[in-house]
């Protein structure tokens, strides 16, 4: 009953926000109103406007037309889906009165994306590819001369997300670097000494450059820094509250490798400070002013970053308050976010968006992994993880060059970041690989391992001669990147981490 109450409260809150928006651009009420692609047959829910008694979905593709009829405002394309080819199609939704007169019509273009075909590829040398990118990062650390702002003696990525970027995001950069460098060390990489040194340089910089020891978020990390200033860009003075937990997880990992106590203490401090902002339903706000504590943006589905931090801290001392807060956050994610698929993007450089208009797979990935690791605690956990991964694939994975939703023809499988930044990215593919590893461990289903291997190969296929991985996707035949943008340092580091993890995991399977 508790979970049902949380779910209903969250539904009412979310739809009250949606209802306040003037002149909605769509009368589709389901989570897939703004979806770019579907692998599986979608089901759309329409707003039952006054006088409507009949509902239609007309699908058109290459001169063919199919019509789905319903007396309720729920239209599924299941019956016709096998006949729709894996390419672009137009869908027209119609609201009719009892006599068949048209009341409203809404049209949009979608893509039926190709599914995974069970390809079992020969494994590329993932460790060697990661070693080359590590070498690039280590060289770039001190030799980049194009960044708009540099701090003497500090790695370029602290202040520049890409070689020419004027901003950086410490809570999604320093941690990815730590994980990449620690993975390089664990894999006996050729530059392990320098890698571990730079991992510590990043962490020590974060300890030395944080919020003042005052206000609502004392000593909390900055989530945006710009041209020598703390804050700026989209967030202004606010911080992405839960992203600090993601940074803190890497500090626990670095403590495990170095036994440097300040890393562990700071991770605990971030966890305990974050708890103070937990909402009554178990959720947390998105953006918070660190001085006043004012919530500048509320909805945030990235609660697993806090849950994972709590789990990571437990071996170093169980804390009941943290554990209870984490359980409440997990319950909220399962009761509301999983039930509604409102996986709203929560990136530092993206402004507030209207309901369902900008979903992302990133906040769902750690939940997949957590449910797999804890599958024995609840019989519903593993089935939920499997369904959630399929939602990720359906909405955000391109399995090959035939996917017309992708702006670039990639080998695939690769993962799109979010609706408003629809590019197949190496870093997000790396995140998915980590999820596929956990799914394979939990289920022993070979498909998950095959997908992970193919995804790792796809990342490697896009590697540049200097060791960079492609953040934006490269044409699988020409090597061109239509985005014409710099690759992100933290995305390449995420790829390193996943490639090393998959190499070590597959080696373990053979032993």
Protein backbone atom coordinates (compact mmCIF):
# COMPACT_ATOMS: atom_id res chain seq x y z
CA UNK A 1 0.00 0.00 0.00
CA UNK A 2 2.87 2.36 0.77
CA UNK A 3 4.30 1.97 -2.75
CA UNK A 4 0.84 2.51 -4.34
CA UNK A 5 0.44 5.70 -2.30
CA UNK A 6 3.81 6.98 -3.46
CA UNK A 7 2.92 6.16 -7.05
CA UNK A 8 -0.43 7.95 -6.96
CA UNK A 9 1.08 11.00 -5.29
CA UNK A 10 3.81 11.19 -7.89
CA UNK A 11 1.31 10.79 -10.74
CA UNK A 12 -0.86 13.62 -9.42
CA UNK A 13 2.14 15.88 -8.93
CA UNK A 14 3.54 15.19 -12.39
CA UNK A 15 0.27 15.68 -14.22
CA UNK A 16 -0.53 18.85 -12.30
CA UNK A 17 2.75 20.25 -13.64
CA UNK A 18 1.82 19.15 -17.16
CA UNK A 19 -1.64 20.69 -16.85
CA UNK A 20 -0.18 24.06 -15.91
CA UNK A 21 1.71 24.32 -19.19
CA UNK A 22 -0.09 26.66 -21.60
CA UNK A 23 -1.02 25.44 -25.08
CA UNK A 24 0.51 21.97 -24.99
CA UNK A 25 2.16 21.06 -28.27
CA UNK A 26 0.76 17.53 -28.15
CA UNK A 27 -2.38 15.84 -26.92
CA UNK A 28 -0.58 12.54 -26.47
CA UNK A 29 -0.43 11.91 -22.72
CA UNK A 30 1.78 8.81 -22.68
CA UNK A 31 5.52 8.93 -22.02
CA UNK A 32 6.32 8.30 -25.70
CA UNK A 33 4.78 11.54 -26.97
CA UNK A 34 8.15 12.83 -28.16
CA UNK A 35 9.93 9.53 -28.88
CA UNK A 36 12.25 9.40 -31.88
CA UNK A 37 12.20 5.67 -32.55
CA UNK A 38 10.62 2.35 -31.60
CA UNK A 39 11.88 -1.18 -32.01
CA UNK A 40 8.82 -2.77 -30.43
CA UNK A 41 5.24 -1.84 -31.27
CA UNK A 42 4.33 1.35 -29.38
CA UNK A 43 1.14 2.11 -27.52
CA UNK A 44 -0.06 5.72 -27.41
CA UNK A 45 -2.46 7.27 -24.91
CA UNK A 46 -4.45 10.28 -26.12
CA UNK A 47 -6.18 13.01 -24.15
CA UNK A 48 -9.95 12.31 -24.32
CA UNK A 49 -11.06 15.79 -25.37
CA UNK A 50 -14.77 16.74 -24.92
CA UNK A 51 -17.04 15.11 -27.48
CA UNK A 52 -14.53 12.48 -28.58
CA UNK A 53 -15.96 8.97 -28.86
CA UNK A 54 -13.71 7.30 -31.42
CA UNK A 55 -9.95 7.33 -31.91
CA UNK A 56 -7.75 6.47 -34.88
CA UNK A 57 -4.05 6.02 -35.64
CA UNK A 58 -3.24 6.15 -39.33
CA UNK A 59 0.25 4.91 -40.21
CA UNK A 60 1.72 5.77 -43.61
CA UNK A 61 4.95 4.52 -45.11
CA UNK A 62 6.15 4.40 -48.71
CA UNK A 63 2.67 4.63 -50.21
CA UNK A 64 1.10 2.10 -47.83
CA UNK A 65 -1.43 2.94 -45.13
CA UNK A 66 -2.73 1.12 -42.07
CA UNK A 67 -5.48 2.26 -39.69
CA UNK A 68 -5.87 1.31 -36.03
CA UNK A 69 -9.30 1.99 -34.51
CA UNK A 70 -10.34 2.17 -30.87
CA UNK A 71 -13.33 3.27 -28.81
CA UNK A 72 -10.92 4.25 -26.03
CA UNK A 73 -8.11 6.82 -26.18
CA UNK A 74 -5.49 4.06 -26.17
CA UNK A 75 -4.02 3.06 -29.53
CA UNK A 76 -1.51 0.26 -29.96
CA UNK A 77 0.30 -0.44 -33.22
CA UNK A 78 0.84 -4.09 -32.30
CA UNK A 79 -1.52 -5.49 -34.94
CA UNK A 80 0.14 -3.73 -37.87
CA UNK A 81 3.74 -3.56 -36.58
CA UNK A 82 5.04 -6.58 -38.50
CA UNK A 83 3.95 -4.96 -41.75
CA UNK A 84 5.75 -1.67 -41.04
CA UNK A 85 9.29 -1.71 -42.41
CA UNK A 86 12.27 -0.69 -40.21
CA UNK A 87 12.46 2.88 -41.49
CA UNK A 88 10.65 6.21 -41.13
CA UNK A 89 6.86 6.35 -41.00
CA UNK A 90 4.19 8.96 -40.41
CA UNK A 91 1.51 8.44 -37.78
CA UNK A 92 -1.65 10.56 -37.71
CA UNK A 93 -3.82 10.53 -34.59
CA UNK A 94 -7.48 11.45 -34.97
CA UNK A 95 -10.16 12.29 -32.45
CA UNK A 96 -13.71 11.68 -33.76
CA UNK A 97 -17.16 12.24 -32.29
CA UNK A 98 -19.87 9.56 -32.08
CA UNK A 99 -20.89 10.25 -35.70
CA UNK A 100 -17.37 10.01 -37.10
CA UNK A 101 -16.81 13.74 -37.48
CA UNK A 102 -13.18 14.83 -37.04
CA UNK A 103 -12.59 16.87 -33.89
CA UNK A 104 -8.80 17.00 -33.84
CA UNK A 105 -5.84 15.64 -35.76
CA UNK A 106 -2.18 15.40 -34.79
CA UNK A 107 0.60 14.04 -37.02
CA UNK A 108 4.24 13.24 -36.51
CA UNK A 109 7.14 11.30 -37.98
CA UNK A 110 8.67 8.36 -36.15
CA UNK A 111 11.14 5.61 -37.01
CA UNK A 112 10.80 1.87 -36.68
CA UNK A 113 14.36 0.95 -35.74
CA UNK A 114 16.01 -2.40 -36.52
CA UNK A 115 16.44 -4.84 -33.66
CA UNK A 116 19.54 -6.79 -32.65
CA UNK A 117 19.89 -9.81 -34.93
CA UNK A 118 21.99 -12.03 -32.70
CA UNK A 119 25.31 -11.05 -34.24
CA UNK A 120 28.31 -12.70 -32.60
CA UNK A 121 31.38 -10.71 -33.58
CA UNK A 122 35.03 -11.45 -33.21
CA UNK A 123 36.23 -9.38 -30.25
CA UNK A 124 38.42 -6.39 -30.96
CA UNK A 125 41.34 -5.87 -28.56
CA UNK A 126 39.34 -3.63 -26.24
CA UNK A 127 42.16 -3.19 -23.74
CA UNK A 128 44.56 -2.03 -26.44
CA UNK A 129 42.00 0.50 -27.70
CA UNK A 130 41.46 1.78 -24.16
CA UNK A 131 45.23 2.01 -23.65
CA UNK A 132 45.45 4.26 -26.72
CA UNK A 133 42.74 6.55 -25.40
CA UNK A 134 44.39 6.67 -21.97
CA UNK A 135 47.60 7.71 -23.71
CA UNK A 136 45.66 10.46 -25.52
CA UNK A 137 44.12 11.70 -22.26
CA UNK A 138 47.46 11.71 -20.46
CA UNK A 139 49.08 13.66 -23.28
CA UNK A 140 46.15 16.05 -23.62
CA UNK A 141 46.18 16.68 -19.89
CA UNK A 142 49.17 18.95 -20.07
CA UNK A 143 49.59 19.75 -23.75
CA UNK A 144 46.22 21.14 -24.84
CA UNK A 145 46.62 24.74 -26.00
CA UNK A 146 43.13 25.48 -27.29
CA UNK A 147 41.03 25.51 -24.09
CA UNK A 148 39.54 28.95 -23.33
CA UNK A 149 40.78 28.70 -19.73
CA UNK A 150 43.60 26.68 -18.18
CA UNK A 151 44.72 26.41 -14.57
CA UNK A 152 48.50 25.92 -14.35
CA UNK A 153 49.48 22.37 -13.49
CA UNK A 154 45.88 21.13 -13.63
CA UNK A 155 44.55 18.69 -16.28
CA UNK A 156 42.76 20.44 -19.13
CA UNK A 157 39.48 18.57 -18.53
CA UNK A 158 39.00 20.18 -15.13
CA UNK A 159 38.05 23.45 -16.88
CA UNK A 160 37.21 22.34 -20.42
CA UNK A 161 34.80 19.51 -21.25
CA UNK A 162 36.30 19.34 -24.76
CA UNK A 163 39.46 20.79 -26.31
CA UNK A 164 37.66 24.09 -27.09
CA UNK A 165 34.85 24.15 -24.52
CA UNK A 166 34.54 27.13 -22.18
CA UNK A 167 32.85 25.12 -19.40
CA UNK A 168 33.32 21.85 -17.59
CA UNK A 169 31.26 19.74 -15.24
CA UNK A 170 33.35 18.33 -12.37
CA UNK A 171 30.75 15.84 -11.15
CA UNK A 172 30.60 14.05 -14.50
CA UNK A 173 34.26 14.52 -15.43
CA UNK A 174 36.54 13.98 -12.44
CA UNK A 175 34.72 10.75 -11.56
CA UNK A 176 34.89 9.36 -15.10
CA UNK A 177 38.62 10.09 -15.16
CA UNK A 178 39.10 8.35 -11.81
CA UNK A 179 37.23 5.27 -12.99
CA UNK A 180 39.11 5.16 -16.30
CA UNK A 181 42.51 5.55 -14.66
CA UNK A 182 41.75 3.02 -11.92
CA UNK A 183 40.57 0.56 -14.58
CA UNK A 184 43.81 1.14 -16.48
CA UNK A 185 45.79 0.33 -13.33
CA UNK A 186 43.68 -2.76 -12.59
CA UNK A 187 44.30 -3.94 -16.15
CA UNK A 188 48.07 -3.49 -15.71
CA UNK A 189 48.08 -0.72 -18.28
CA UNK A 190 51.41 0.58 -19.59
CA UNK A 191 50.90 4.05 -18.03
CA UNK A 192 49.50 2.97 -14.68
CA UNK A 193 51.77 5.18 -12.57
CA UNK A 194 50.84 8.37 -14.40
CA UNK A 195 47.19 7.34 -14.57
CA UNK A 196 46.87 6.86 -10.82
CA UNK A 197 48.68 10.15 -10.26
CA UNK A 198 46.17 12.04 -12.44
CA UNK A 199 43.25 10.28 -10.77
CA UNK A 200 44.46 11.73 -7.47
CA UNK A 201 45.15 15.15 -8.98
CA UNK A 202 41.50 15.40 -10.03
CA UNK A 203 40.18 14.27 -6.67
CA UNK A 204 42.52 16.57 -4.77
CA UNK A 205 41.45 19.49 -6.97
CA UNK A 206 37.81 18.79 -6.06
CA UNK A 207 38.69 18.76 -2.35
CA UNK A 208 40.46 22.09 -2.69
CA UNK A 209 37.81 23.76 -4.88
CA UNK A 210 34.31 23.35 -3.45
CA UNK A 211 31.51 25.38 -1.93
CA UNK A 212 32.31 27.45 1.18
CA UNK A 213 31.77 25.79 4.55
CA UNK A 214 28.49 27.65 4.98
CA UNK A 215 25.02 27.85 3.52
CA UNK A 216 22.65 25.01 2.72
CA UNK A 217 25.25 22.85 0.95
CA UNK A 218 28.50 23.41 2.85
CA UNK A 219 31.61 22.06 1.12
CA UNK A 220 29.48 20.60 -1.67
CA UNK A 221 31.07 20.15 -5.11
CA UNK A 222 30.37 22.48 -8.01
CA UNK A 223 28.58 20.84 -10.92
CA UNK A 224 29.41 23.60 -13.45
CA UNK A 225 32.54 25.73 -13.76
CA UNK A 226 33.16 28.27 -16.52
CA UNK A 227 36.28 30.18 -17.58
CA UNK A 228 37.80 30.30 -14.13
CA UNK A 229 34.48 30.92 -12.37
CA UNK A 230 32.51 28.53 -10.21
CA UNK A 231 29.03 28.16 -11.66
CA UNK A 232 27.64 29.68 -14.83
CA UNK A 233 26.21 28.26 -18.05
CA UNK A 234 22.68 26.82 -17.62
CA UNK A 235 22.93 26.24 -13.87
CA UNK A 236 24.10 29.66 -12.73
CA UNK A 237 24.73 29.46 -8.99
CA UNK A 238 22.72 26.27 -8.59
CA UNK A 239 24.14 22.76 -8.47
CA UNK A 240 22.89 19.43 -9.76
CA UNK A 241 22.23 17.93 -6.33
CA UNK A 242 22.41 14.21 -7.07
CA UNK A 243 25.34 14.43 -9.45
CA UNK A 244 27.53 15.03 -6.41
CA UNK A 245 26.74 11.48 -5.32
CA UNK A 246 28.11 10.17 -8.58
CA UNK A 247 31.34 12.06 -7.94
CA UNK A 248 31.43 10.70 -4.39
CA UNK A 249 31.21 7.10 -5.61
CA UNK A 250 34.49 7.59 -7.44
CA UNK A 251 36.02 8.98 -4.25
CA UNK A 252 35.11 5.78 -2.43
CA UNK A 253 36.73 3.76 -5.23
CA UNK A 254 39.83 5.94 -5.08
CA UNK A 255 39.96 5.51 -1.29
CA UNK A 256 39.84 1.72 -1.76
CA UNK A 257 42.89 2.00 -4.02
CA UNK A 258 44.90 4.53 -1.99
CA UNK A 259 43.57 4.39 1.61
CA UNK A 260 43.67 8.19 1.64
CA UNK A 261 41.11 8.97 4.35
CA UNK A 262 39.95 12.42 3.06
CA UNK A 263 38.44 10.75 -0.02
CA UNK A 264 36.20 8.52 2.08
CA UNK A 265 35.27 11.30 4.48
CA UNK A 266 34.23 13.58 1.64
CA UNK A 267 32.04 10.86 0.13
CA UNK A 268 30.31 10.45 3.48
CA UNK A 269 29.86 14.20 3.77
CA UNK A 270 28.22 14.40 0.35
CA UNK A 271 25.83 11.56 1.22
CA UNK A 272 24.85 13.05 4.56
CA UNK A 273 24.36 16.54 3.11
CA UNK A 274 22.23 15.20 0.25
CA UNK A 275 19.88 13.37 2.62
CA UNK A 276 18.70 16.68 4.05
CA UNK A 277 16.99 17.47 0.73
CA UNK A 278 15.06 14.23 0.31
CA UNK A 279 11.39 14.85 -0.42
CA UNK A 280 8.59 13.18 1.51
CA UNK A 281 7.95 10.69 -1.31
CA UNK A 282 11.60 9.55 -1.40
CA UNK A 283 12.67 11.63 -4.40
CA UNK A 284 15.25 14.41 -4.47
CA UNK A 285 15.21 17.82 -6.18
CA UNK A 286 17.21 18.39 -9.34
CA UNK A 287 18.84 21.81 -8.96
CA UNK A 288 19.42 23.55 -5.63
CA UNK A 289 20.92 26.92 -4.70
CA UNK A 290 23.82 25.95 -2.39
CA UNK A 291 23.66 29.20 -0.42
CA UNK A 292 19.93 29.37 0.33
CA UNK A 293 18.77 25.80 -0.21
CA UNK A 294 16.09 27.02 -2.61
CA UNK A 295 15.05 24.41 -5.17
CA UNK A 296 15.43 25.93 -8.61
CA UNK A 297 14.22 22.80 -10.44
CA UNK A 298 12.43 19.94 -8.75
CA UNK A 299 11.97 16.74 -10.76
CA UNK A 300 15.02 14.47 -10.86
CA UNK A 301 14.90 10.78 -11.71
CA UNK A 302 18.65 10.23 -11.12
CA UNK A 303 18.08 8.97 -7.57
CA UNK A 304 20.16 5.85 -8.16
CA UNK A 305 23.29 7.96 -7.99
CA UNK A 306 22.54 8.47 -4.29
CA UNK A 307 21.44 4.84 -3.82
CA UNK A 308 24.67 3.57 -5.34
CA UNK A 309 26.73 5.91 -3.16
CA UNK A 310 25.05 4.53 -0.06
CA UNK A 311 25.72 0.98 -1.23
CA UNK A 312 29.35 1.84 -1.97
CA UNK A 313 29.85 3.29 1.52
CA UNK A 314 28.33 0.36 3.44
CA UNK A 315 31.48 -1.83 3.56
CA UNK A 316 33.22 1.02 5.40
CA UNK A 317 30.54 1.37 8.07
CA UNK A 318 26.78 0.82 7.94
CA UNK A 319 24.69 3.93 8.52
CA UNK A 320 20.98 3.30 9.12
CA UNK A 321 19.93 6.83 8.18
CA UNK A 322 21.65 6.61 4.81
CA UNK A 323 20.29 3.11 4.19
CA UNK A 324 16.73 4.20 4.94
CA UNK A 325 17.02 7.23 2.65
CA UNK A 326 18.41 5.02 -0.12
CA UNK A 327 15.60 2.51 0.26
CA UNK A 328 12.99 5.26 0.07
CA UNK A 329 14.66 6.64 -3.05
CA UNK A 330 14.70 3.17 -4.63
CA UNK A 331 11.03 2.64 -3.76
CA UNK A 332 10.17 5.95 -5.40
CA UNK A 333 12.09 5.09 -8.58
CA UNK A 334 10.33 1.75 -8.86
CA UNK A 335 6.89 3.08 -7.97
CA UNK A 336 6.89 6.17 -10.12
CA UNK A 337 9.69 6.44 -12.66
CA UNK A 338 9.59 2.82 -13.80
CA UNK A 339 5.80 2.86 -13.90
CA UNK A 340 5.61 6.01 -16.02
CA UNK A 341 8.93 5.86 -17.92
CA UNK A 342 9.43 9.52 -17.06
CA UNK A 343 13.21 9.19 -17.36
CA UNK A 344 13.73 12.90 -17.76
CA UNK A 345 17.24 13.97 -18.75
CA UNK A 346 19.14 15.61 -15.88
CA UNK A 347 22.25 17.06 -17.47
CA UNK A 348 24.13 20.11 -16.26
CA UNK A 349 24.02 21.84 -19.65
CA UNK A 350 20.31 21.34 -20.41
CA UNK A 351 17.60 23.79 -19.37
CA UNK A 352 14.28 22.76 -17.86
CA UNK A 353 12.04 20.98 -20.36
CA UNK A 354 8.32 20.28 -20.47
CA UNK A 355 6.82 16.96 -19.47
CA UNK A 356 8.17 13.92 -21.39
CA UNK A 357 9.80 16.14 -24.02
CA UNK A 358 13.38 15.18 -23.18
CA UNK A 359 13.89 11.66 -21.91
CA UNK A 360 17.26 9.97 -21.52
CA UNK A 361 18.53 6.48 -20.78
CA UNK A 362 21.34 7.65 -18.49
CA UNK A 363 19.40 7.72 -15.18
CA UNK A 364 17.91 4.29 -15.89
CA UNK A 365 21.24 2.47 -16.34
CA UNK A 366 22.34 2.35 -12.67
CA UNK A 367 18.89 1.06 -11.69
CA UNK A 368 19.28 -1.84 -14.13
CA UNK A 369 22.61 -2.71 -12.58
CA UNK A 370 21.39 -2.34 -8.99
CA UNK A 371 18.37 -4.60 -9.57
CA UNK A 372 20.61 -7.25 -11.13
CA UNK A 373 23.05 -7.16 -8.22
CA UNK A 374 20.20 -7.39 -5.70
CA UNK A 375 17.98 -9.82 -7.61
CA UNK A 376 17.74 -12.22 -4.65
CA UNK A 377 16.22 -9.57 -2.39
CA UNK A 378 12.98 -9.25 -4.36
CA UNK A 379 11.56 -11.54 -7.08
CA UNK A 380 10.41 -8.47 -9.02
CA UNK A 381 13.87 -6.94 -9.30
CA UNK A 382 15.33 -8.97 -12.15
CA UNK A 383 12.20 -8.90 -14.36
CA UNK A 384 12.10 -5.13 -13.84
CA UNK A 385 15.76 -4.80 -14.86
CA UNK A 386 15.13 -6.86 -18.01
CA UNK A 387 12.11 -4.74 -18.98
CA UNK A 388 13.96 -1.51 -18.27
CA UNK A 389 16.91 -2.54 -20.41
CA UNK A 390 14.51 -3.37 -23.24
CA UNK A 391 13.00 0.12 -22.89
CA UNK A 392 16.52 1.55 -23.19
CA UNK A 393 17.13 -0.47 -26.35
CA UNK A 394 13.73 0.39 -27.81
CA UNK A 395 14.16 4.12 -27.31
CA UNK A 396 17.91 4.83 -27.39
CA UNK A 397 19.93 2.08 -29.09
CA UNK A 398 20.82 2.02 -32.76
CA UNK A 399 21.76 -1.49 -33.76
CA UNK A 400 23.22 -0.63 -37.11
CA UNK A 401 23.60 1.66 -40.12
CA UNK A 402 20.04 0.96 -41.32
CA UNK A 403 18.48 3.00 -38.50
CA UNK A 404 16.93 6.09 -40.09
CA UNK A 405 16.49 7.81 -36.73
CA UNK A 406 20.25 8.28 -36.47
CA UNK A 407 21.80 11.45 -37.93
CA UNK A 408 24.94 9.45 -38.70
CA UNK A 409 25.34 5.98 -40.22
CA UNK A 410 27.12 4.06 -37.49
CA UNK A 411 28.16 0.45 -37.25
CA UNK A 412 26.32 0.03 -33.97
CA UNK A 413 25.15 -0.86 -31.52
CA UNK A 414 25.56 2.61 -30.03
CA UNK A 415 23.41 4.58 -27.61
CA UNK A 416 21.73 7.96 -28.12
CA UNK A 417 22.09 10.39 -25.23
CA UNK A 418 18.73 12.20 -24.96
CA UNK A 419 15.90 13.46 -27.16
CA UNK A 420 17.29 16.99 -27.48
CA UNK A 421 20.84 15.75 -28.16
CA UNK A 422 20.16 12.84 -30.47
CA UNK A 423 23.63 11.53 -31.29
CA UNK A 424 24.99 7.98 -30.88
CA UNK A 425 27.65 8.45 -28.22
CA UNK A 426 30.55 6.34 -27.03
CA UNK A 427 30.21 7.31 -23.37
CA UNK A 428 26.56 6.34 -23.16
CA UNK A 429 27.29 3.13 -25.01
CA UNK A 430 29.91 2.43 -22.35
CA UNK A 431 27.29 2.97 -19.66
CA UNK A 432 25.06 0.42 -21.41
CA UNK A 433 27.92 -2.09 -21.66
CA UNK A 434 28.26 -2.00 -17.86
CA UNK A 435 24.53 -2.73 -17.61
CA UNK A 436 24.77 -5.60 -20.10
CA UNK A 437 27.57 -7.17 -18.07
CA UNK A 438 25.36 -7.16 -14.96
CA UNK A 439 22.41 -8.53 -16.94
CA UNK A 440 24.57 -11.36 -18.23
CA UNK A 441 25.82 -12.13 -14.72
CA UNK A 442 22.25 -12.22 -13.41
CA UNK A 443 20.60 -14.17 -16.24
CA UNK A 444 23.39 -16.04 -18.11
CA UNK A 445 21.54 -15.02 -21.28
CA UNK A 446 24.13 -15.01 -24.07
CA UNK A 447 22.34 -12.19 -25.91
CA UNK A 448 23.44 -9.66 -23.31
CA UNK A 449 27.09 -10.64 -23.68
CA UNK A 450 26.81 -10.58 -27.49
CA UNK A 451 25.34 -7.09 -27.37
CA UNK A 452 28.07 -5.90 -25.00
CA UNK A 453 30.79 -7.26 -27.29
CA UNK A 454 29.22 -5.73 -30.38
CA UNK A 455 28.86 -2.39 -28.59
CA UNK A 456 32.50 -2.45 -27.49
CA UNK A 457 33.53 -3.22 -31.06
CA UNK A 458 31.41 -0.31 -32.27
CA UNK A 459 33.18 2.09 -29.89
CA UNK A 460 36.56 0.85 -31.08
CA UNK A 461 35.52 1.11 -34.74
CA UNK A 462 35.11 4.87 -34.22
CA UNK A 463 38.49 5.46 -32.61
CA UNK A 464 40.66 8.18 -34.15
CA UNK A 465 44.33 7.73 -34.96
CA UNK A 466 45.38 9.83 -31.96
CA UNK A 467 43.40 7.59 -29.59
CA UNK A 468 40.22 9.63 -29.18
CA UNK A 469 36.86 7.88 -29.20
CA UNK A 470 33.95 9.53 -31.00
CA UNK A 471 31.41 11.28 -28.79
CA UNK A 472 29.12 12.05 -31.73
CA UNK A 473 29.36 9.04 -34.02
CA UNK A 474 31.31 8.48 -37.23
CA UNK A 475 30.02 7.24 -40.56
CA UNK A 476 30.90 3.56 -40.68
CA UNK A 477 32.13 3.82 -44.28
CA UNK A 478 33.69 7.28 -44.60
CA UNK A 479 34.74 7.97 -41.00
CA UNK A 480 33.12 11.42 -41.15
CA UNK A 481 31.40 12.88 -38.07
CA UNK A 482 28.45 15.03 -39.21
CA UNK A 483 28.24 16.78 -35.83
CA UNK A 484 31.55 18.57 -36.50
CA UNK A 485 32.10 18.90 -32.74
CA UNK A 486 34.97 18.12 -30.39
CA UNK A 487 34.93 14.83 -28.53
CA UNK A 488 34.29 15.04 -24.79
CA UNK A 489 37.12 13.96 -22.50
CA UNK A 490 34.80 12.37 -19.94
CA UNK A 491 32.97 10.35 -22.60
CA UNK A 492 36.21 8.78 -23.78
CA UNK A 493 37.15 8.03 -20.18
CA UNK A 494 33.80 6.29 -19.65
CA UNK A 495 34.55 4.17 -22.72
CA UNK A 496 37.93 3.22 -21.28
CA UNK A 497 36.29 2.05 -18.06
CA UNK A 498 33.71 -0.10 -19.87
CA UNK A 499 36.19 -1.57 -22.36
CA UNK A 500 38.54 -2.64 -19.56
CA UNK A 501 35.59 -4.01 -17.57
CA UNK A 502 34.36 -6.09 -20.50
CA UNK A 503 37.85 -7.38 -21.29
CA UNK A 504 38.34 -8.49 -17.69
CA UNK A 505 34.85 -9.99 -17.48
CA UNK A 506 35.22 -12.06 -20.63
CA UNK A 507 38.68 -13.24 -19.54
CA UNK A 508 37.12 -14.42 -16.31
CA UNK A 509 34.49 -16.41 -18.20
CA UNK A 510 37.20 -18.36 -20.02
CA UNK A 511 39.17 -19.22 -16.89
